[in-house]
Amino acid sequence: MNDDTAAINDQAPTGEPSQTPAAESTAAPKKRRTKAARAAEEKAAIAGTEARIGYTFSDAALLTTAFTHVSALKPATRNRADSYQRLEFLGDHVLGLIVSDMLFRAFPKADEGELSKRLADLVRKESCADVAKSLGLLEDIKLGMVKAVEGARLRKSVLGDICEAVIGAIFLDGGYEAARQFVERNWTERMHKLRRPLRDPKTVLQEWAQGKGLPTPVYREVERTGPHHDPQFRVAVDLPGLASAEGLGGNKRAAEKAAASAMIEREGVGTND
């Protein structure tokens, strides 16, 4: 037994030195490659987003913030100012100013009432979300640890907010002119497509239903998700003989409008007006 034990002990040192340094030598470079690869991926992702937006940032951190949902922030140091919300606030007002100027110049005979209605339609969350979707920005949104299904819903519900945050980020990085170019590039065609100013989608859907001899649309809350300070509502709208349509929003009214818009789009309401 002693001889066998000695033999094993004699063999152990000869195996360890040949393996341990090799493991260490491969582990360290692998870690460095991972960090370098991550940096390269982030740089490529930013470049891809900039290409879709059509603007290159001097301060890429602004772009990152514009896509960061509050759920993606670390709980220990969570500061809502580090999410997209402040940029959304700024972008909302910048968008309103630019579109107001566009409308003023494009429709010289329109009165204040018509211009206001057109403005409301062009800057509503659904319109902003449509722009963001056309630019392929959905998957760029940074979320925290959420289930895949919930994450997909959350991304769609905040897409309009993200679009406004991007406008705010462009404004801070490149000034009014850069923001104006982005907005005109993405809103001009939409502005001229409007035959008449669209109203509240719930009103449009109700009038269409009445014209078809249908009762008033019924809205029902399907689901409420997210934390108390940042809830997300899913609402369905029902009409007899038609499949339900659903919408998402940060409050019930916004979700109801989104649901009405979804049914309007699906049923082609107004296409023959």
C-alpha atoms as a PDB file:
ATOM      1  CA  MET A   1       0.000   0.000   0.000  1.00  0.00           C
ATOM      2  CA  ASN A   2       2.794   2.389   0.904  1.00  0.00           C
ATOM      3  CA  ASP A   3       4.556   1.718  -2.365  1.00  0.00           C
ATOM      4  CA  ASP A   4       1.345   2.313  -4.302  1.00  0.00           C
ATOM      5  CA  THR A   5       0.659   5.511  -2.405  1.00  0.00           C
ATOM      6  CA  ALA A   6       4.166   6.721  -3.027  1.00  0.00           C
ATOM      7  CA  ALA A   7       3.783   5.932  -6.698  1.00  0.00           C
ATOM      8  CA  ILE A   8       0.596   7.988  -6.891  1.00  0.00           C
ATOM      9  CA  ASN A   9       2.204  10.884  -5.027  1.00  0.00           C
ATOM     10  CA  ASP A  10       5.205  10.705  -7.305  1.00  0.00           C
ATOM     11  CA  GLN A  11       2.961  10.943 -10.369  1.00  0.00           C
ATOM     12  CA  ALA A  12       0.759  13.788  -9.136  1.00  0.00           C
ATOM     13  CA  PRO A  13       3.352  16.563  -9.295  1.00  0.00           C
ATOM     14  CA  THR A  14       4.386  15.570 -12.790  1.00  0.00           C
ATOM     15  CA  GLY A  15       0.763  15.898 -14.047  1.00  0.00           C
ATOM     16  CA  GLU A  16      -0.176  19.155 -12.320  1.00  0.00           C
ATOM     17  CA  PRO A  17       2.601  21.450 -13.546  1.00  0.00           C
ATOM     18  CA  SER A  18       1.976  20.477 -17.134  1.00  0.00           C
ATOM     19  CA  GLN A  19      -1.803  21.140 -16.887  1.00  0.00           C
ATOM     20  CA  THR A  20      -2.232  24.109 -14.545  1.00  0.00           C
ATOM     21  CA  PRO A  21      -0.137  26.668 -16.453  1.00  0.00           C
ATOM     22  CA  ALA A  22      -1.810  25.602 -19.677  1.00  0.00           C
ATOM     23  CA  ALA A  23      -5.248  26.161 -18.155  1.00  0.00           C
ATOM     24  CA  GLU A  24      -4.212  29.554 -16.810  1.00  0.00           C
ATOM     25  CA  SER A  25      -2.606  30.607 -20.064  1.00  0.00           C
ATOM     26  CA  THR A  26      -5.759  29.818 -22.028  1.00  0.00           C
ATOM     27  CA  ALA A  27      -8.207  31.206 -19.440  1.00  0.00           C
ATOM     28  CA  ALA A  28      -6.764  34.724 -19.281  1.00  0.00           C
ATOM     29  CA  PRO A  29      -6.696  35.365 -23.059  1.00  0.00           C
ATOM     30  CA  LYS A  30     -10.209  33.946 -23.313  1.00  0.00           C
ATOM     31  CA  LYS A  31     -11.429  36.488 -20.754  1.00  0.00           C
ATOM     32  CA  ARG A  32      -9.704  39.297 -22.633  1.00  0.00           C
ATOM     33  CA  ARG A  33     -11.216  38.128 -25.904  1.00  0.00           C
ATOM     34  CA  THR A  34     -14.683  38.065 -24.341  1.00  0.00           C
ATOM     35  CA  LYS A  35     -14.360  41.653 -23.125  1.00  0.00           C
ATOM     36  CA  ALA A  36     -13.004  42.760 -26.487  1.00  0.00           C
ATOM     37  CA  ALA A  37     -15.728  40.873 -28.312  1.00  0.00           C
ATOM     38  CA  ARG A  38     -18.383  42.482 -26.122  1.00  0.00           C
ATOM     39  CA  ALA A  39     -17.000  45.941 -26.831  1.00  0.00           C
ATOM     40  CA  ALA A  40     -16.914  45.181 -30.549  1.00  0.00           C
ATOM     41  CA  GLU A  41     -20.512  43.940 -30.455  1.00  0.00           C
ATOM     42  CA  GLU A  42     -21.691  47.068 -28.634  1.00  0.00           C
ATOM     43  CA  LYS A  43     -19.861  49.284 -31.115  1.00  0.00           C
ATOM     44  CA  ALA A  44     -21.369  47.386 -34.036  1.00  0.00           C
ATOM     45  CA  ALA A  45     -24.834  47.587 -32.474  1.00  0.00           C
ATOM     46  CA  ILE A  46     -24.543  51.354 -32.028  1.00  0.00           C
ATOM     47  CA  ALA A  47     -23.311  51.746 -35.606  1.00  0.00           C
ATOM     48  CA  GLY A  48     -26.234  49.656 -36.855  1.00  0.00           C
ATOM     49  CA  THR A  49     -28.745  51.745 -34.929  1.00  0.00           C
ATOM     50  CA  GLU A  50     -27.167  54.976 -36.178  1.00  0.00           C
ATOM     51  CA  ALA A  51     -27.381  53.698 -39.747  1.00  0.00           C
ATOM     52  CA  ARG A  52     -31.097  52.982 -39.370  1.00  0.00           C
ATOM     53  CA  ILE A  53     -31.709  56.333 -37.718  1.00  0.00           C
ATOM     54  CA  GLY A  54     -29.617  58.168 -40.288  1.00  0.00           C
ATOM     55  CA  TYR A  55     -27.571  60.093 -37.741  1.00  0.00           C
ATOM     56  CA  THR A  56     -24.115  59.493 -36.226  1.00  0.00           C
ATOM     57  CA  PHE A  57     -23.720  60.562 -32.608  1.00  0.00           C
ATOM     58  CA  SER A  58     -20.724  62.423 -31.223  1.00  0.00           C
ATOM     59  CA  ASP A  59     -21.806  61.236 -27.770  1.00  0.00           C
ATOM     60  CA  ALA A  60     -22.929  57.627 -28.186  1.00  0.00           C
ATOM     61  CA  ALA A  61     -23.985  57.524 -24.521  1.00  0.00           C
ATOM     62  CA  LEU A  62     -27.015  59.639 -25.443  1.00  0.00           C
ATOM     63  CA  LEU A  63     -28.131  56.996 -27.915  1.00  0.00           C
ATOM     64  CA  THR A  64     -27.672  54.248 -25.331  1.00  0.00           C
ATOM     65  CA  THR A  65     -29.739  56.184 -22.782  1.00  0.00           C
ATOM     66  CA  ALA A  66     -32.486  56.771 -25.347  1.00  0.00           C
ATOM     67  CA  PHE A  67     -33.000  53.009 -25.606  1.00  0.00           C
ATOM     68  CA  THR A  68     -32.674  52.157 -21.901  1.00  0.00           C
ATOM     69  CA  HIS A  69     -35.881  51.234 -20.079  1.00  0.00           C
ATOM     70  CA  VAL A  70     -35.924  51.826 -16.321  1.00  0.00           C
ATOM     71  CA  SER A  71     -36.116  48.054 -15.752  1.00  0.00           C
ATOM     72  CA  ALA A  72     -32.624  47.676 -17.255  1.00  0.00           C
ATOM     73  CA  LEU A  73     -31.015  49.825 -14.554  1.00  0.00           C
ATOM     74  CA  LYS A  74     -29.303  48.177 -11.587  1.00  0.00           C
ATOM     75  CA  PRO A  75     -31.694  48.158  -8.583  1.00  0.00           C
ATOM     76  CA  ALA A  76     -28.981  49.275  -6.137  1.00  0.00           C
ATOM     77  CA  THR A  77     -28.162  52.411  -8.119  1.00  0.00           C
ATOM     78  CA  ARG A  78     -31.406  52.832 -10.064  1.00  0.00           C
ATOM     79  CA  ASN A  79     -31.928  56.421 -11.122  1.00  0.00           C
ATOM     80  CA  ARG A  80     -34.811  57.063 -13.486  1.00  0.00           C
ATOM     81  CA  ALA A  81     -32.787  59.931 -14.967  1.00  0.00           C
ATOM     82  CA  ASP A  82     -30.519  57.271 -16.490  1.00  0.00           C
ATOM     83  CA  SER A  83     -33.425  55.786 -18.463  1.00  0.00           C
ATOM     84  CA  TYR A  84     -34.992  57.172 -21.642  1.00  0.00           C
ATOM     85  CA  GLN A  85     -37.704  59.138 -19.806  1.00  0.00           C
ATOM     86  CA  ARG A  86     -36.015  62.552 -19.599  1.00  0.00           C
ATOM     87  CA  LEU A  87     -35.007  62.333 -23.260  1.00  0.00           C
ATOM     88  CA  GLU A  88     -38.585  61.326 -24.102  1.00  0.00           C
ATOM     89  CA  PHE A  89     -39.869  64.486 -22.393  1.00  0.00           C
ATOM     90  CA  LEU A  90     -37.472  66.644 -24.393  1.00  0.00           C
ATOM     91  CA  GLY A  91     -38.070  64.812 -27.658  1.00  0.00           C
ATOM     92  CA  ASP A  92     -41.847  65.110 -27.289  1.00  0.00           C
ATOM     93  CA  HIS A  93     -41.614  68.906 -27.257  1.00  0.00           C
ATOM     94  CA  VAL A  94     -38.955  69.087 -29.970  1.00  0.00           C
ATOM     95  CA  LEU A  95     -41.111  66.879 -32.205  1.00  0.00           C
ATOM     96  CA  GLY A  96     -44.145  69.074 -31.560  1.00  0.00           C
ATOM     97  CA  LEU A  97     -42.248  72.221 -32.532  1.00  0.00           C
ATOM     98  CA  ILE A  98     -40.791  70.753 -35.717  1.00  0.00           C
ATOM     99  CA  VAL A  99     -44.055  69.186 -36.905  1.00  0.00           C
ATOM    100  CA  SER A 100     -45.918  72.429 -36.109  1.00  0.00           C
ATOM    101  CA  ASP A 101     -43.480  74.300 -38.347  1.00  0.00           C
ATOM    102  CA  MET A 102     -43.851  71.664 -41.077  1.00  0.00           C
ATOM    103  CA  LEU A 103     -47.650  71.921 -40.972  1.00  0.00           C
ATOM    104  CA  PHE A 104     -47.603  75.723 -40.937  1.00  0.00           C
ATOM    105  CA  ARG A 105     -45.535  75.786 -44.129  1.00  0.00           C
ATOM    106  CA  ALA A 106     -47.260  72.850 -45.866  1.00  0.00           C
ATOM    107  CA  PHE A 107     -50.867  74.007 -45.352  1.00  0.00           C
ATOM    108  CA  PRO A 108     -50.947  77.823 -45.696  1.00  0.00           C
ATOM    109  CA  LYS A 109     -54.759  77.920 -45.954  1.00  0.00           C
ATOM    110  CA  ALA A 110     -55.493  75.678 -42.972  1.00  0.00           C
ATOM    111  CA  ASP A 111     -56.922  77.357 -39.887  1.00  0.00           C
ATOM    112  CA  GLU A 112     -55.678  76.849 -36.334  1.00  0.00           C
ATOM    113  CA  GLY A 113     -58.234  74.135 -35.609  1.00  0.00           C
ATOM    114  CA  GLU A 114     -57.253  71.988 -38.574  1.00  0.00           C
ATOM    115  CA  LEU A 115     -53.545  72.450 -37.912  1.00  0.00           C
ATOM    116  CA  SER A 116     -54.050  71.419 -34.287  1.00  0.00           C
ATOM    117  CA  LYS A 117     -55.884  68.243 -35.285  1.00  0.00           C
ATOM    118  CA  ARG A 118     -53.227  67.327 -37.819  1.00  0.00           C
ATOM    119  CA  LEU A 119     -50.516  67.984 -35.258  1.00  0.00           C
ATOM    120  CA  ALA A 120     -52.238  65.806 -32.657  1.00  0.00           C
ATOM    121  CA  ASP A 121     -52.437  62.916 -35.110  1.00  0.00           C
ATOM    122  CA  LEU A 122     -48.832  63.180 -36.279  1.00  0.00           C
ATOM    123  CA  VAL A 123     -47.260  63.366 -32.811  1.00  0.00           C
ATOM    124  CA  ARG A 124     -49.446  60.822 -30.982  1.00  0.00           C
ATOM    125  CA  LYS A 125     -47.717  57.764 -29.524  1.00  0.00           C
ATOM    126  CA  GLU A 126     -49.070  55.457 -32.224  1.00  0.00           C
ATOM    127  CA  SER A 127     -47.532  57.605 -34.967  1.00  0.00           C
ATOM    128  CA  CYS A 128     -44.192  57.723 -33.156  1.00  0.00           C
ATOM    129  CA  ALA A 129     -44.309  53.960 -32.643  1.00  0.00           C
ATOM    130  CA  ASP A 130     -45.004  53.496 -36.347  1.00  0.00           C
ATOM    131  CA  VAL A 131     -41.918  55.539 -37.216  1.00  0.00           C
ATOM    132  CA  ALA A 132     -39.758  53.562 -34.784  1.00  0.00           C
ATOM    133  CA  LYS A 133     -41.102  50.293 -36.175  1.00  0.00           C
ATOM    134  CA  SER A 134     -40.354  51.369 -39.755  1.00  0.00           C
ATOM    135  CA  LEU A 135     -36.761  52.097 -38.693  1.00  0.00           C
ATOM    136  CA  GLY A 136     -36.393  48.670 -37.089  1.00  0.00           C
ATOM    137  CA  LEU A 137     -35.748  50.001 -33.587  1.00  0.00           C
ATOM    138  CA  LEU A 138     -37.862  47.483 -31.643  1.00  0.00           C
ATOM    139  CA  GLU A 139     -35.071  45.084 -30.683  1.00  0.00           C
ATOM    140  CA  ASP A 140     -32.678  47.897 -29.729  1.00  0.00           C
ATOM    141  CA  ILE A 141     -34.665  48.635 -26.556  1.00  0.00           C
ATOM    142  CA  LYS A 142     -32.764  47.589 -23.426  1.00  0.00           C
ATOM    143  CA  LEU A 143     -34.921  45.876 -20.793  1.00  0.00           C
ATOM    144  CA  GLY A 144     -34.175  44.250 -17.457  1.00  0.00           C
ATOM    145  CA  MET A 145     -34.787  40.627 -16.492  1.00  0.00           C
ATOM    146  CA  VAL A 146     -38.296  40.016 -17.819  1.00  0.00           C
ATOM    147  CA  LYS A 147     -39.979  37.039 -19.428  1.00  0.00           C
ATOM    148  CA  ALA A 148     -39.740  36.851 -23.199  1.00  0.00           C
ATOM    149  CA  VAL A 149     -43.482  37.338 -23.755  1.00  0.00           C
ATOM    150  CA  GLU A 150     -43.669  40.230 -21.299  1.00  0.00           C
ATOM    151  CA  GLY A 151     -40.554  41.755 -22.836  1.00  0.00           C
ATOM    152  CA  ALA A 152     -42.084  41.656 -26.316  1.00  0.00           C
ATOM    153  CA  ARG A 153     -45.228  43.391 -25.054  1.00  0.00           C
ATOM    154  CA  LEU A 154     -43.229  45.947 -23.100  1.00  0.00           C
ATOM    155  CA  ARG A 155     -41.073  46.833 -26.104  1.00  0.00           C
ATOM    156  CA  LYS A 156     -44.161  47.441 -28.237  1.00  0.00           C
ATOM    157  CA  SER A 157     -45.842  49.532 -25.532  1.00  0.00           C
ATOM    158  CA  VAL A 158     -42.862  51.886 -25.126  1.00  0.00           C
ATOM    159  CA  LEU A 159     -41.877  52.078 -28.797  1.00  0.00           C
ATOM    160  CA  GLY A 160     -43.444  55.517 -29.233  1.00  0.00           C
ATOM    161  CA  ASP A 161     -41.662  56.778 -26.115  1.00  0.00           C
ATOM    162  CA  ILE A 162     -38.345  55.473 -27.456  1.00  0.00           C
ATOM    163  CA  CYS A 163     -38.853  57.315 -30.733  1.00  0.00           C
ATOM    164  CA  GLU A 164     -39.348  60.585 -28.853  1.00  0.00           C
ATOM    165  CA  ALA A 165     -36.279  59.825 -26.720  1.00  0.00           C
ATOM    166  CA  VAL A 166     -34.218  59.347 -29.893  1.00  0.00           C
ATOM    167  CA  ILE A 167     -35.369  62.757 -31.126  1.00  0.00           C
ATOM    168  CA  GLY A 168     -34.371  64.265 -27.782  1.00  0.00           C
ATOM    169  CA  ALA A 169     -30.965  62.591 -27.983  1.00  0.00           C
ATOM    170  CA  ILE A 170     -30.375  63.856 -31.527  1.00  0.00           C
ATOM    171  CA  PHE A 171     -31.396  67.366 -30.446  1.00  0.00           C
ATOM    172  CA  LEU A 172     -28.904  67.356 -27.558  1.00  0.00           C
ATOM    173  CA  ASP A 173     -26.122  65.887 -29.685  1.00  0.00           C
ATOM    174  CA  GLY A 174     -26.555  67.771 -32.944  1.00  0.00           C
ATOM    175  CA  GLY A 175     -28.905  70.642 -32.213  1.00  0.00           C
ATOM    176  CA  TYR A 176     -32.210  71.689 -33.735  1.00  0.00           C
ATOM    177  CA  GLU A 177     -31.094  71.262 -37.346  1.00  0.00           C
ATOM    178  CA  ALA A 178     -30.124  67.613 -36.853  1.00  0.00           C
ATOM    179  CA  ALA A 179     -33.424  66.905 -35.110  1.00  0.00           C
ATOM    180  CA  ARG A 180     -35.349  68.724 -37.841  1.00  0.00           C
ATOM    181  CA  GLN A 181     -33.724  66.638 -40.564  1.00  0.00           C
ATOM    182  CA  PHE A 182     -34.606  63.415 -38.747  1.00  0.00           C
ATOM    183  CA  VAL A 183     -38.229  64.454 -38.218  1.00  0.00           C
ATOM    184  CA  GLU A 184     -38.744  65.767 -41.749  1.00  0.00           C
ATOM    185  CA  ARG A 185     -37.218  62.596 -43.184  1.00  0.00           C
ATOM    186  CA  ASN A 186     -39.650  60.402 -41.266  1.00  0.00           C
ATOM    187  CA  TRP A 187     -42.796  62.541 -40.990  1.00  0.00           C
ATOM    188  CA  THR A 188     -43.105  64.431 -44.286  1.00  0.00           C
ATOM    189  CA  GLU A 189     -44.686  61.558 -46.207  1.00  0.00           C
ATOM    190  CA  ARG A 190     -47.031  60.810 -43.323  1.00  0.00           C
ATOM    191  CA  MET A 191     -48.050  64.455 -43.178  1.00  0.00           C
ATOM    192  CA  HIS A 192     -48.999  64.587 -46.853  1.00  0.00           C
ATOM    193  CA  LYS A 193     -50.795  61.231 -46.799  1.00  0.00           C
ATOM    194  CA  LEU A 194     -53.493  62.644 -44.544  1.00  0.00           C
ATOM    195  CA  ARG A 195     -56.540  63.493 -46.666  1.00  0.00           C
ATOM    196  CA  ARG A 196     -58.135  65.012 -43.589  1.00  0.00           C
ATOM    197  CA  PRO A 197     -56.965  65.410 -40.013  1.00  0.00           C
ATOM    198  CA  LEU A 198     -57.639  62.232 -38.040  1.00  0.00           C
ATOM    199  CA  ARG A 199     -59.447  62.464 -34.737  1.00  0.00           C
ATOM    200  CA  ASP A 200     -59.309  60.420 -31.588  1.00  0.00           C
ATOM    201  CA  PRO A 201     -59.263  56.771 -32.767  1.00  0.00           C
ATOM    202  CA  LYS A 202     -62.009  55.842 -30.281  1.00  0.00           C
ATOM    203  CA  THR A 203     -64.282  58.486 -31.833  1.00  0.00           C
ATOM    204  CA  VAL A 204     -63.433  57.349 -35.357  1.00  0.00           C
ATOM    205  CA  LEU A 205     -64.172  53.710 -34.502  1.00  0.00           C
ATOM    206  CA  GLN A 206     -67.444  54.570 -32.767  1.00  0.00           C
ATOM    207  CA  GLU A 207     -68.717  56.626 -35.709  1.00  0.00           C
ATOM    208  CA  TRP A 208     -67.715  53.865 -38.125  1.00  0.00           C
ATOM    209  CA  ALA A 209     -69.536  51.275 -36.001  1.00  0.00           C
ATOM    210  CA  GLN A 210     -72.676  53.424 -35.900  1.00  0.00           C
ATOM    211  CA  GLY A 211     -72.539  53.793 -39.664  1.00  0.00           C
ATOM    212  CA  LYS A 212     -72.488  49.993 -39.933  1.00  0.00           C
ATOM    213  CA  GLY A 213     -75.444  49.648 -37.573  1.00  0.00           C
ATOM    214  CA  LEU A 214     -73.248  48.247 -34.808  1.00  0.00           C
ATOM    215  CA  PRO A 215     -73.424  49.152 -31.119  1.00  0.00           C
ATOM    216  CA  THR A 216     -70.859  51.276 -29.308  1.00  0.00           C
ATOM    217  CA  PRO A 217     -67.478  49.509 -29.048  1.00  0.00           C
ATOM    218  CA  VAL A 218     -66.819  47.906 -25.665  1.00  0.00           C
ATOM    219  CA  TYR A 219     -63.372  48.175 -24.083  1.00  0.00           C
ATOM    220  CA  ARG A 220     -62.123  45.732 -21.457  1.00  0.00           C
ATOM    221  CA  GLU A 221     -58.872  45.471 -19.566  1.00  0.00           C
ATOM    222  CA  VAL A 222     -57.150  42.192 -20.415  1.00  0.00           C
ATOM    223  CA  GLU A 223     -53.984  42.485 -18.392  1.00  0.00           C
ATOM    224  CA  ARG A 224     -51.928  44.814 -16.256  1.00  0.00           C
ATOM    225  CA  THR A 225     -48.198  44.170 -15.938  1.00  0.00           C
ATOM    226  CA  GLY A 226     -45.101  45.953 -14.704  1.00  0.00           C
ATOM    227  CA  PRO A 227     -44.332  47.648 -11.388  1.00  0.00           C
ATOM    228  CA  HIS A 228     -46.701  50.078  -9.695  1.00  0.00           C
ATOM    229  CA  HIS A 229     -44.651  53.103 -10.769  1.00  0.00           C
ATOM    230  CA  ASP A 230     -44.505  52.013 -14.413  1.00  0.00           C
ATOM    231  CA  PRO A 231     -47.601  49.910 -15.246  1.00  0.00           C
ATOM    232  CA  GLN A 232     -48.445  48.574 -18.686  1.00  0.00           C
ATOM    233  CA  PHE A 233     -52.057  47.943 -19.668  1.00  0.00           C
ATOM    234  CA  ARG A 234     -53.402  45.615 -22.348  1.00  0.00           C
ATOM    235  CA  VAL A 235     -56.948  46.446 -23.425  1.00  0.00           C
ATOM    236  CA  ALA A 236     -59.232  44.742 -25.943  1.00  0.00           C
ATOM    237  CA  VAL A 237     -62.041  46.351 -27.925  1.00  0.00           C
ATOM    238  CA  ASP A 238     -65.064  44.281 -28.965  1.00  0.00           C
ATOM    239  CA  LEU A 239     -67.707  44.733 -31.644  1.00  0.00           C
ATOM    240  CA  PRO A 240     -70.325  42.100 -32.572  1.00  0.00           C
ATOM    241  CA  GLY A 241     -69.316  40.016 -35.569  1.00  0.00           C
ATOM    242  CA  LEU A 242     -65.699  41.174 -35.484  1.00  0.00           C
ATOM    243  CA  ALA A 243     -62.612  39.697 -33.875  1.00  0.00           C
ATOM    244  CA  SER A 244     -61.339  41.623 -30.887  1.00  0.00           C
ATOM    245  CA  ALA A 245     -58.399  43.985 -31.299  1.00  0.00           C
ATOM    246  CA  GLU A 246     -55.874  44.724 -28.577  1.00  0.00           C
ATOM    247  CA  GLY A 247     -53.677  47.659 -27.659  1.00  0.00           C
ATOM    248  CA  LEU A 248     -50.963  48.448 -25.125  1.00  0.00           C
ATOM    249  CA  GLY A 249     -50.360  51.626 -23.153  1.00  0.00           C
ATOM    250  CA  GLY A 250     -48.980  53.158 -20.005  1.00  0.00           C
ATOM    251  CA  ASN A 251     -52.538  53.884 -18.835  1.00  0.00           C
ATOM    252  CA  LYS A 252     -56.002  52.568 -19.679  1.00  0.00           C
ATOM    253  CA  ARG A 253     -56.921  55.430 -21.976  1.00  0.00           C
ATOM    254  CA  ALA A 254     -53.740  55.074 -24.006  1.00  0.00           C
ATOM    255  CA  ALA A 255     -54.302  51.325 -24.268  1.00  0.00           C
ATOM    256  CA  GLU A 256     -57.915  51.876 -25.368  1.00  0.00           C
ATOM    257  CA  LYS A 257     -56.754  54.276 -28.077  1.00  0.00           C
ATOM    258  CA  ALA A 258     -54.167  51.746 -29.230  1.00  0.00           C
ATOM    259  CA  ALA A 259     -56.836  49.026 -29.373  1.00  0.00           C
ATOM    260  CA  ALA A 260     -59.161  51.282 -31.368  1.00  0.00           C
ATOM    261  CA  SER A 261     -56.317  52.146 -33.749  1.00  0.00           C
ATOM    262  CA  ALA A 262     -55.560  48.446 -34.206  1.00  0.00           C
ATOM    263  CA  MET A 263     -59.164  47.702 -35.177  1.00  0.00           C
ATOM    264  CA  ILE A 264     -59.322  50.765 -37.439  1.00  0.00           C
ATOM    265  CA  GLU A 265     -56.201  49.638 -39.281  1.00  0.00           C
ATOM    266  CA  ARG A 266     -57.314  46.015 -39.522  1.00  0.00           C
ATOM    267  CA  GLU A 267     -60.797  46.850 -40.816  1.00  0.00           C
ATOM    268  CA  GLY A 268     -59.544  49.519 -43.211  1.00  0.00           C
ATOM    269  CA  VAL A 269     -61.659  52.238 -41.634  1.00  0.00           C
ATOM    270  CA  GLY A 270     -61.412  55.475 -43.596  1.00  0.00           C
ATOM    271  CA  THR A 271     -59.588  54.017 -46.608  1.00  0.00           C
ATOM    272  CA  ASN A 272     -62.531  54.826 -48.875  1.00  0.00           C
ATOM    273  CA  ASP A 273     -63.227  58.268 -47.419  1.00  0.00           C
END
